[in-house]
Amino acid sequence: MHALRALRESGAHSPDDIRAILAANVVFNSPVLTRPLVGAEIVSAVLAASALARGIGGQYVSEYRIDAATTVLRWRGSVQGHLLESIEILVDDAAGLLVERTIAYRPLPAVEIFRDLLYPLIKDIVPADLWAY
């Protein structure tokens, strides 16, 4: 089981808990932002807030190890009662720390709800130009 999945399934976790499994220069690619986030400090804060915005529930439904560094996770849950699914590609370094996370969500209406819930949680740490073109 990937360290990020294990952490997420363990229950509530803080940015510090998440930061412990991230490489210092981790890159996070998300469709809710206009460009990647870079660095363990900001990525850990956003990942912790993301779990809060999605709320209670949801689960990883599959995990695929592609090679020694790459894992693909599928998650299914809901946001405000609407189905929300994601697929993410996780890339680790030789030390097992996460160096890149790329996530995709569906369906778009649920993603928009999720983004609206996430915004107030991270608007002060994510630069304004990452929210819109």
N, C-alpha and C. Protein backbone atom coordinates (compact mmCIF):
# COMPACT_ATOMS: atom_id res chain seq x y z
N MET A 1 0.86 -1.18 0.00
CA MET A 1 0.00 0.00 0.00
C MET A 1 0.90 1.24 0.00
N HIS A 2 0.57 2.19 -0.88
CA HIS A 2 1.35 3.42 -0.96
C HIS A 2 1.21 4.21 0.34
N ALA A 3 2.27 4.92 0.71
CA ALA A 3 2.29 5.69 1.97
C ALA A 3 1.19 6.75 2.02
N LEU A 4 0.88 7.39 0.89
CA LEU A 4 -0.18 8.40 0.90
C LEU A 4 -1.53 7.76 1.15
N ARG A 5 -1.80 6.64 0.53
CA ARG A 5 -3.05 5.94 0.78
C ARG A 5 -3.14 5.50 2.24
N ALA A 6 -2.07 4.94 2.75
CA ALA A 6 -2.07 4.48 4.15
C ALA A 6 -2.35 5.66 5.09
N LEU A 7 -1.75 6.79 4.82
CA LEU A 7 -1.97 7.97 5.66
C LEU A 7 -3.42 8.43 5.55
N ARG A 8 -3.94 8.52 4.35
CA ARG A 8 -5.33 8.96 4.16
C ARG A 8 -6.31 8.01 4.83
N GLU A 9 -6.06 6.71 4.75
CA GLU A 9 -6.98 5.74 5.33
C GLU A 9 -6.84 5.63 6.85
N SER A 10 -5.79 6.23 7.42
CA SER A 10 -5.59 6.18 8.87
C SER A 10 -6.49 7.16 9.62
N GLY A 11 -7.16 8.04 8.89
CA GLY A 11 -8.04 9.02 9.53
C GLY A 11 -7.49 10.43 9.34
N ALA A 12 -7.87 11.32 10.24
CA ALA A 12 -7.46 12.73 10.15
C ALA A 12 -5.94 12.82 10.18
N HIS A 13 -5.41 13.71 9.36
CA HIS A 13 -3.97 13.90 9.30
C HIS A 13 -3.68 15.37 9.04
N SER A 14 -2.59 15.81 9.62
CA SER A 14 -2.20 17.22 9.53
C SER A 14 -1.23 17.43 8.37
N PRO A 15 -1.00 18.69 8.03
CA PRO A 15 0.04 18.96 7.03
C PRO A 15 1.40 18.37 7.44
N ASP A 16 1.72 18.38 8.73
CA ASP A 16 2.98 17.80 9.18
C ASP A 16 3.03 16.31 8.91
N ASP A 17 1.91 15.61 9.13
CA ASP A 17 1.86 14.17 8.84
C ASP A 17 2.12 13.92 7.36
N ILE A 18 1.52 14.73 6.52
CA ILE A 18 1.68 14.57 5.07
C ILE A 18 3.09 14.94 4.64
N ARG A 19 3.62 16.03 5.21
CA ARG A 19 4.95 16.49 4.85
C ARG A 19 6.00 15.40 5.07
N ALA A 20 5.79 14.54 6.04
CA ALA A 20 6.75 13.48 6.36
C ALA A 20 6.93 12.48 5.23
N ILE A 21 5.96 12.38 4.31
CA ILE A 21 6.08 11.42 3.21
C ILE A 21 6.37 12.10 1.87
N LEU A 22 6.61 13.41 1.89
CA LEU A 22 6.86 14.18 0.68
C LEU A 22 8.34 14.52 0.53
N ALA A 23 8.83 14.49 -0.69
CA ALA A 23 10.15 15.03 -1.00
C ALA A 23 10.05 16.55 -0.90
N ALA A 24 11.15 17.20 -0.60
CA ALA A 24 11.15 18.66 -0.43
C ALA A 24 10.64 19.39 -1.67
N ASN A 25 10.94 18.86 -2.86
CA ASN A 25 10.58 19.53 -4.11
C ASN A 25 9.38 18.87 -4.80
N VAL A 26 8.50 18.27 -4.04
CA VAL A 26 7.34 17.56 -4.59
C VAL A 26 6.53 18.47 -5.52
N VAL A 27 5.99 17.87 -6.56
CA VAL A 27 5.15 18.59 -7.54
C VAL A 27 3.75 17.99 -7.48
N PHE A 28 2.74 18.86 -7.38
CA PHE A 28 1.35 18.42 -7.32
C PHE A 28 0.60 19.03 -8.49
N ASN A 29 0.10 18.17 -9.38
CA ASN A 29 -0.68 18.58 -10.55
C ASN A 29 -2.15 18.28 -10.27
N SER A 30 -2.99 19.31 -10.33
CA SER A 30 -4.40 19.16 -10.04
C SER A 30 -5.23 19.94 -11.05
N PRO A 31 -6.36 19.38 -11.47
CA PRO A 31 -7.22 20.10 -12.41
C PRO A 31 -7.94 21.30 -11.81
N VAL A 32 -7.90 21.46 -10.50
CA VAL A 32 -8.59 22.60 -9.90
C VAL A 32 -7.71 23.85 -9.85
N LEU A 33 -6.44 23.70 -10.26
CA LEU A 33 -5.51 24.83 -10.29
C LEU A 33 -4.95 24.99 -11.70
N THR A 34 -4.49 26.20 -12.02
CA THR A 34 -4.03 26.46 -13.38
C THR A 34 -2.61 25.97 -13.66
N ARG A 35 -1.84 25.70 -12.63
CA ARG A 35 -0.50 25.14 -12.82
C ARG A 35 -0.11 24.36 -11.56
N PRO A 36 0.96 23.57 -11.64
CA PRO A 36 1.34 22.73 -10.50
C PRO A 36 1.77 23.53 -9.28
N LEU A 37 1.57 22.91 -8.14
CA LEU A 37 2.14 23.41 -6.89
C LEU A 37 3.47 22.71 -6.70
N VAL A 38 4.45 23.43 -6.16
CA VAL A 38 5.77 22.84 -5.96
C VAL A 38 6.24 23.14 -4.54
N GLY A 39 6.71 22.10 -3.87
CA GLY A 39 7.28 22.25 -2.53
C GLY A 39 6.45 21.58 -1.46
N ALA A 40 7.13 20.93 -0.53
CA ALA A 40 6.45 20.15 0.51
C ALA A 40 5.56 21.01 1.41
N GLU A 41 5.95 22.22 1.67
CA GLU A 41 5.17 23.07 2.58
C GLU A 41 3.77 23.34 2.03
N ILE A 42 3.70 23.83 0.80
CA ILE A 42 2.40 24.18 0.22
C ILE A 42 1.61 22.92 -0.16
N VAL A 43 2.27 21.91 -0.70
CA VAL A 43 1.56 20.70 -1.11
C VAL A 43 0.96 19.99 0.11
N SER A 44 1.69 19.92 1.21
CA SER A 44 1.14 19.25 2.40
C SER A 44 -0.08 20.00 2.94
N ALA A 45 -0.06 21.32 2.90
CA ALA A 45 -1.20 22.10 3.38
C ALA A 45 -2.42 21.88 2.48
N VAL A 46 -2.21 21.84 1.17
CA VAL A 46 -3.31 21.64 0.23
C VAL A 46 -3.88 20.23 0.34
N LEU A 47 -3.03 19.23 0.47
CA LEU A 47 -3.53 17.86 0.60
C LEU A 47 -4.34 17.67 1.88
N ALA A 48 -3.91 18.29 2.96
CA ALA A 48 -4.67 18.21 4.22
C ALA A 48 -6.02 18.90 4.06
N ALA A 49 -6.05 20.06 3.42
CA ALA A 49 -7.31 20.78 3.20
C ALA A 49 -8.22 20.02 2.26
N SER A 50 -7.66 19.35 1.28
CA SER A 50 -8.45 18.58 0.32
C SER A 50 -9.28 17.51 1.02
N ALA A 51 -8.67 16.85 1.98
CA ALA A 51 -9.41 15.83 2.73
C ALA A 51 -10.57 16.46 3.51
N LEU A 52 -10.36 17.65 4.03
CA LEU A 52 -11.44 18.34 4.76
C LEU A 52 -12.56 18.75 3.80
N ALA A 53 -12.21 19.23 2.63
CA ALA A 53 -13.21 19.69 1.67
C ALA A 53 -14.06 18.53 1.16
N ARG A 54 -13.45 17.36 0.97
CA ARG A 54 -14.22 16.21 0.49
C ARG A 54 -15.14 15.68 1.57
N GLY A 55 -14.77 15.88 2.82
CA GLY A 55 -15.61 15.43 3.91
C GLY A 55 -15.38 13.96 4.26
N ILE A 56 -16.21 13.47 5.15
CA ILE A 56 -16.10 12.10 5.63
C ILE A 56 -16.62 11.14 4.57
N GLY A 57 -15.99 10.02 4.48
CA GLY A 57 -16.44 9.01 3.53
C GLY A 57 -15.51 8.91 2.35
N GLY A 58 -15.86 8.03 1.48
CA GLY A 58 -15.03 7.77 0.33
C GLY A 58 -13.98 6.73 0.66
N GLN A 59 -13.51 6.07 -0.38
CA GLN A 59 -12.50 5.05 -0.16
C GLN A 59 -11.70 4.81 -1.42
N TYR A 60 -10.50 4.35 -1.22
CA TYR A 60 -9.71 3.90 -2.36
C TYR A 60 -10.29 2.58 -2.81
N VAL A 61 -10.54 2.44 -4.11
CA VAL A 61 -11.15 1.22 -4.63
C VAL A 61 -10.15 0.34 -5.36
N SER A 62 -8.99 0.88 -5.72
CA SER A 62 -7.96 0.05 -6.31
C SER A 62 -6.61 0.77 -6.26
N GLU A 63 -5.58 -0.05 -6.31
CA GLU A 63 -4.21 0.45 -6.31
C GLU A 63 -3.39 -0.44 -7.24
N TYR A 64 -2.65 0.20 -8.12
CA TYR A 64 -1.83 -0.53 -9.09
C TYR A 64 -0.40 -0.03 -9.01
N ARG A 65 0.52 -0.94 -8.81
CA ARG A 65 1.95 -0.60 -8.79
C ARG A 65 2.45 -0.79 -10.22
N ILE A 66 2.83 0.29 -10.88
CA ILE A 66 3.26 0.26 -12.27
C ILE A 66 4.72 -0.18 -12.39
N ASP A 67 5.56 0.39 -11.54
CA ASP A 67 6.97 0.02 -11.48
C ASP A 67 7.47 0.38 -10.08
N ALA A 68 8.77 0.34 -9.87
CA ALA A 68 9.32 0.57 -8.53
C ALA A 68 9.01 1.97 -8.00
N ALA A 69 8.74 2.91 -8.87
CA ALA A 69 8.52 4.29 -8.44
C ALA A 69 7.10 4.79 -8.62
N THR A 70 6.27 4.11 -9.39
CA THR A 70 4.99 4.65 -9.82
C THR A 70 3.81 3.82 -9.34
N THR A 71 2.84 4.49 -8.73
CA THR A 71 1.61 3.86 -8.24
C THR A 71 0.42 4.63 -8.79
N VAL A 72 -0.63 3.91 -9.16
CA VAL A 72 -1.89 4.52 -9.59
C VAL A 72 -2.96 4.13 -8.57
N LEU A 73 -3.69 5.13 -8.08
CA LEU A 73 -4.77 4.92 -7.12
C LEU A 73 -6.10 5.38 -7.71
N ARG A 74 -7.17 4.63 -7.43
CA ARG A 74 -8.53 5.07 -7.76
C ARG A 74 -9.27 5.27 -6.45
N TRP A 75 -10.02 6.38 -6.37
CA TRP A 75 -10.78 6.72 -5.18
C TRP A 75 -12.21 7.01 -5.59
N ARG A 76 -13.15 6.67 -4.74
CA ARG A 76 -14.56 6.97 -5.00
C ARG A 76 -15.19 7.45 -3.70
N GLY A 77 -15.90 8.56 -3.79
CA GLY A 77 -16.59 9.11 -2.64
C GLY A 77 -17.67 10.06 -3.10
N SER A 78 -17.93 11.05 -2.28
CA SER A 78 -18.94 12.03 -2.66
C SER A 78 -18.57 13.38 -2.06
N VAL A 79 -19.16 14.40 -2.64
CA VAL A 79 -19.04 15.75 -2.13
C VAL A 79 -20.45 16.32 -2.12
N GLN A 80 -20.90 16.71 -0.95
CA GLN A 80 -22.27 17.20 -0.77
C GLN A 80 -23.29 16.25 -1.39
N GLY A 81 -23.06 14.96 -1.22
CA GLY A 81 -24.01 13.96 -1.69
C GLY A 81 -23.90 13.59 -3.16
N HIS A 82 -22.94 14.16 -3.87
CA HIS A 82 -22.75 13.87 -5.29
C HIS A 82 -21.51 13.02 -5.49
N LEU A 83 -21.61 12.02 -6.35
CA LEU A 83 -20.47 11.15 -6.65
C LEU A 83 -19.27 11.97 -7.09
N LEU A 84 -18.12 11.64 -6.53
CA LEU A 84 -16.84 12.23 -6.94
C LEU A 84 -15.84 11.09 -7.01
N GLU A 85 -15.17 10.97 -8.14
CA GLU A 85 -14.16 9.93 -8.32
C GLU A 85 -12.85 10.58 -8.73
N SER A 86 -11.76 9.90 -8.37
CA SER A 86 -10.45 10.39 -8.80
C SER A 86 -9.56 9.23 -9.18
N ILE A 87 -8.60 9.57 -9.98
CA ILE A 87 -7.50 8.66 -10.29
C ILE A 87 -6.24 9.50 -10.12
N GLU A 88 -5.25 8.92 -9.47
CA GLU A 88 -4.03 9.67 -9.26
C GLU A 88 -2.82 8.83 -9.58
N ILE A 89 -1.80 9.50 -10.08
CA ILE A 89 -0.53 8.88 -10.38
C ILE A 89 0.48 9.43 -9.38
N LEU A 90 1.09 8.53 -8.64
CA LEU A 90 2.06 8.90 -7.62
C LEU A 90 3.44 8.41 -8.04
N VAL A 91 4.43 9.28 -7.96
CA VAL A 91 5.81 8.91 -8.29
C VAL A 91 6.67 9.18 -7.07
N ASP A 92 7.41 8.16 -6.67
CA ASP A 92 8.28 8.25 -5.49
C ASP A 92 9.74 8.31 -5.91
N ASP A 93 10.57 8.86 -5.03
CA ASP A 93 12.01 8.84 -5.27
C ASP A 93 12.60 7.56 -4.70
N ALA A 94 13.91 7.41 -4.79
CA ALA A 94 14.58 6.20 -4.32
C ALA A 94 14.42 5.99 -2.82
N ALA A 95 14.18 7.06 -2.07
CA ALA A 95 13.99 6.96 -0.62
C ALA A 95 12.53 6.67 -0.25
N GLY A 96 11.66 6.58 -1.24
CA GLY A 96 10.25 6.30 -0.98
C GLY A 96 9.41 7.54 -0.70
N LEU A 97 9.98 8.72 -0.89
CA LEU A 97 9.23 9.96 -0.68
C LEU A 97 8.52 10.34 -1.97
N LEU A 98 7.35 10.92 -1.84
CA LEU A 98 6.54 11.31 -2.99
C LEU A 98 7.16 12.53 -3.66
N VAL A 99 7.48 12.41 -4.95
CA VAL A 99 8.05 13.52 -5.71
C VAL A 99 7.07 14.14 -6.69
N GLU A 100 6.02 13.38 -7.05
CA GLU A 100 5.01 13.94 -7.96
C GLU A 100 3.68 13.24 -7.73
N ARG A 101 2.63 14.06 -7.69
CA ARG A 101 1.26 13.55 -7.61
C ARG A 101 0.45 14.27 -8.68
N THR A 102 -0.17 13.49 -9.54
CA THR A 102 -1.04 14.03 -10.58
C THR A 102 -2.40 13.41 -10.37
N ILE A 103 -3.43 14.24 -10.26
CA ILE A 103 -4.77 13.74 -9.98
C ILE A 103 -5.77 14.26 -11.01
N ALA A 104 -6.74 13.41 -11.32
CA ALA A 104 -7.86 13.79 -12.18
C ALA A 104 -9.14 13.41 -11.45
N TYR A 105 -10.17 14.25 -11.59
CA TYR A 105 -11.46 14.03 -10.94
C TYR A 105 -12.56 13.96 -11.98
N ARG A 106 -13.67 13.33 -11.58
CA ARG A 106 -14.89 13.34 -12.40
C ARG A 106 -16.07 13.14 -11.48
N PRO A 107 -17.25 13.49 -11.85
CA PRO A 107 -17.67 14.31 -12.99
C PRO A 107 -17.47 15.80 -12.69
N LEU A 108 -17.43 16.57 -13.74
CA LEU A 108 -17.14 18.00 -13.62
C LEU A 108 -18.05 18.74 -12.64
N PRO A 109 -19.36 18.54 -12.62
CA PRO A 109 -20.19 19.28 -11.66
C PRO A 109 -19.77 19.03 -10.20
N ALA A 110 -19.39 17.80 -9.90
CA ALA A 110 -18.93 17.49 -8.53
C ALA A 110 -17.56 18.12 -8.27
N VAL A 111 -16.72 18.15 -9.28
CA VAL A 111 -15.41 18.78 -9.15
C VAL A 111 -15.58 20.26 -8.85
N GLU A 112 -16.53 20.90 -9.49
CA GLU A 112 -16.78 22.32 -9.25
C GLU A 112 -17.25 22.56 -7.82
N ILE A 113 -18.09 21.68 -7.28
CA ILE A 113 -18.52 21.78 -5.88
C ILE A 113 -17.30 21.63 -4.98
N PHE A 114 -16.50 20.60 -5.26
CA PHE A 114 -15.29 20.35 -4.47
C PHE A 114 -14.37 21.57 -4.49
N ARG A 115 -14.15 22.13 -5.66
CA ARG A 115 -13.27 23.31 -5.79
C ARG A 115 -13.82 24.49 -4.98
N ASP A 116 -15.13 24.69 -5.02
CA ASP A 116 -15.74 25.77 -4.25
C ASP A 116 -15.57 25.56 -2.75
N LEU A 117 -15.61 24.32 -2.31
CA LEU A 117 -15.40 24.01 -0.88
C LEU A 117 -13.93 24.15 -0.50
N LEU A 118 -13.04 23.81 -1.41
CA LEU A 118 -11.61 23.86 -1.15
C LEU A 118 -11.08 25.29 -1.11
N TYR A 119 -11.60 26.13 -1.96
CA TYR A 119 -11.09 27.50 -2.10
C TYR A 119 -10.93 28.24 -0.77
N PRO A 120 -11.96 28.34 0.07
CA PRO A 120 -11.77 29.11 1.31
C PRO A 120 -10.75 28.49 2.27
N LEU A 121 -10.50 27.19 2.12
CA LEU A 121 -9.54 26.52 2.99
C LEU A 121 -8.09 26.81 2.61
N ILE A 122 -7.85 27.10 1.32
CA ILE A 122 -6.46 27.27 0.88
C ILE A 122 -6.19 28.58 0.15
N LYS A 123 -7.18 29.46 0.06
CA LYS A 123 -7.01 30.69 -0.72
C LYS A 123 -5.88 31.57 -0.20
N ASP A 124 -5.56 31.45 1.08
CA ASP A 124 -4.49 32.28 1.64
C ASP A 124 -3.10 31.67 1.47
N ILE A 125 -3.04 30.42 1.03
CA ILE A 125 -1.72 29.79 0.84
C ILE A 125 -1.42 29.49 -0.63
N VAL A 126 -2.44 29.44 -1.45
CA VAL A 126 -2.24 29.21 -2.89
C VAL A 126 -2.37 30.55 -3.60
N PRO A 127 -1.36 30.94 -4.37
CA PRO A 127 -1.43 32.23 -5.05
C PRO A 127 -2.68 32.40 -5.89
N ALA A 128 -3.19 33.62 -5.95
CA ALA A 128 -4.44 33.92 -6.64
C ALA A 128 -4.40 33.54 -8.12
N ASP A 129 -3.24 33.65 -8.76
CA ASP A 129 -3.17 33.36 -10.19
C ASP A 129 -3.24 31.86 -10.51
N LEU A 130 -3.28 31.02 -9.50
CA LEU A 130 -3.45 29.58 -9.73
C LEU A 130 -4.91 29.16 -9.79
N TRP A 131 -5.82 30.09 -9.49
CA TRP A 131 -7.24 29.78 -9.48
C TRP A 131 -7.94 30.07 -10.80
N ALA A 132 -7.39 30.98 -11.59
CA ALA A 132 -8.03 31.35 -12.85
C ALA A 132 -6.98 31.89 -13.81
N TYR A 133 -7.30 31.80 -15.09
CA TYR A 133 -6.40 32.35 -16.11
C TYR A 133 -6.58 33.83 -16.24
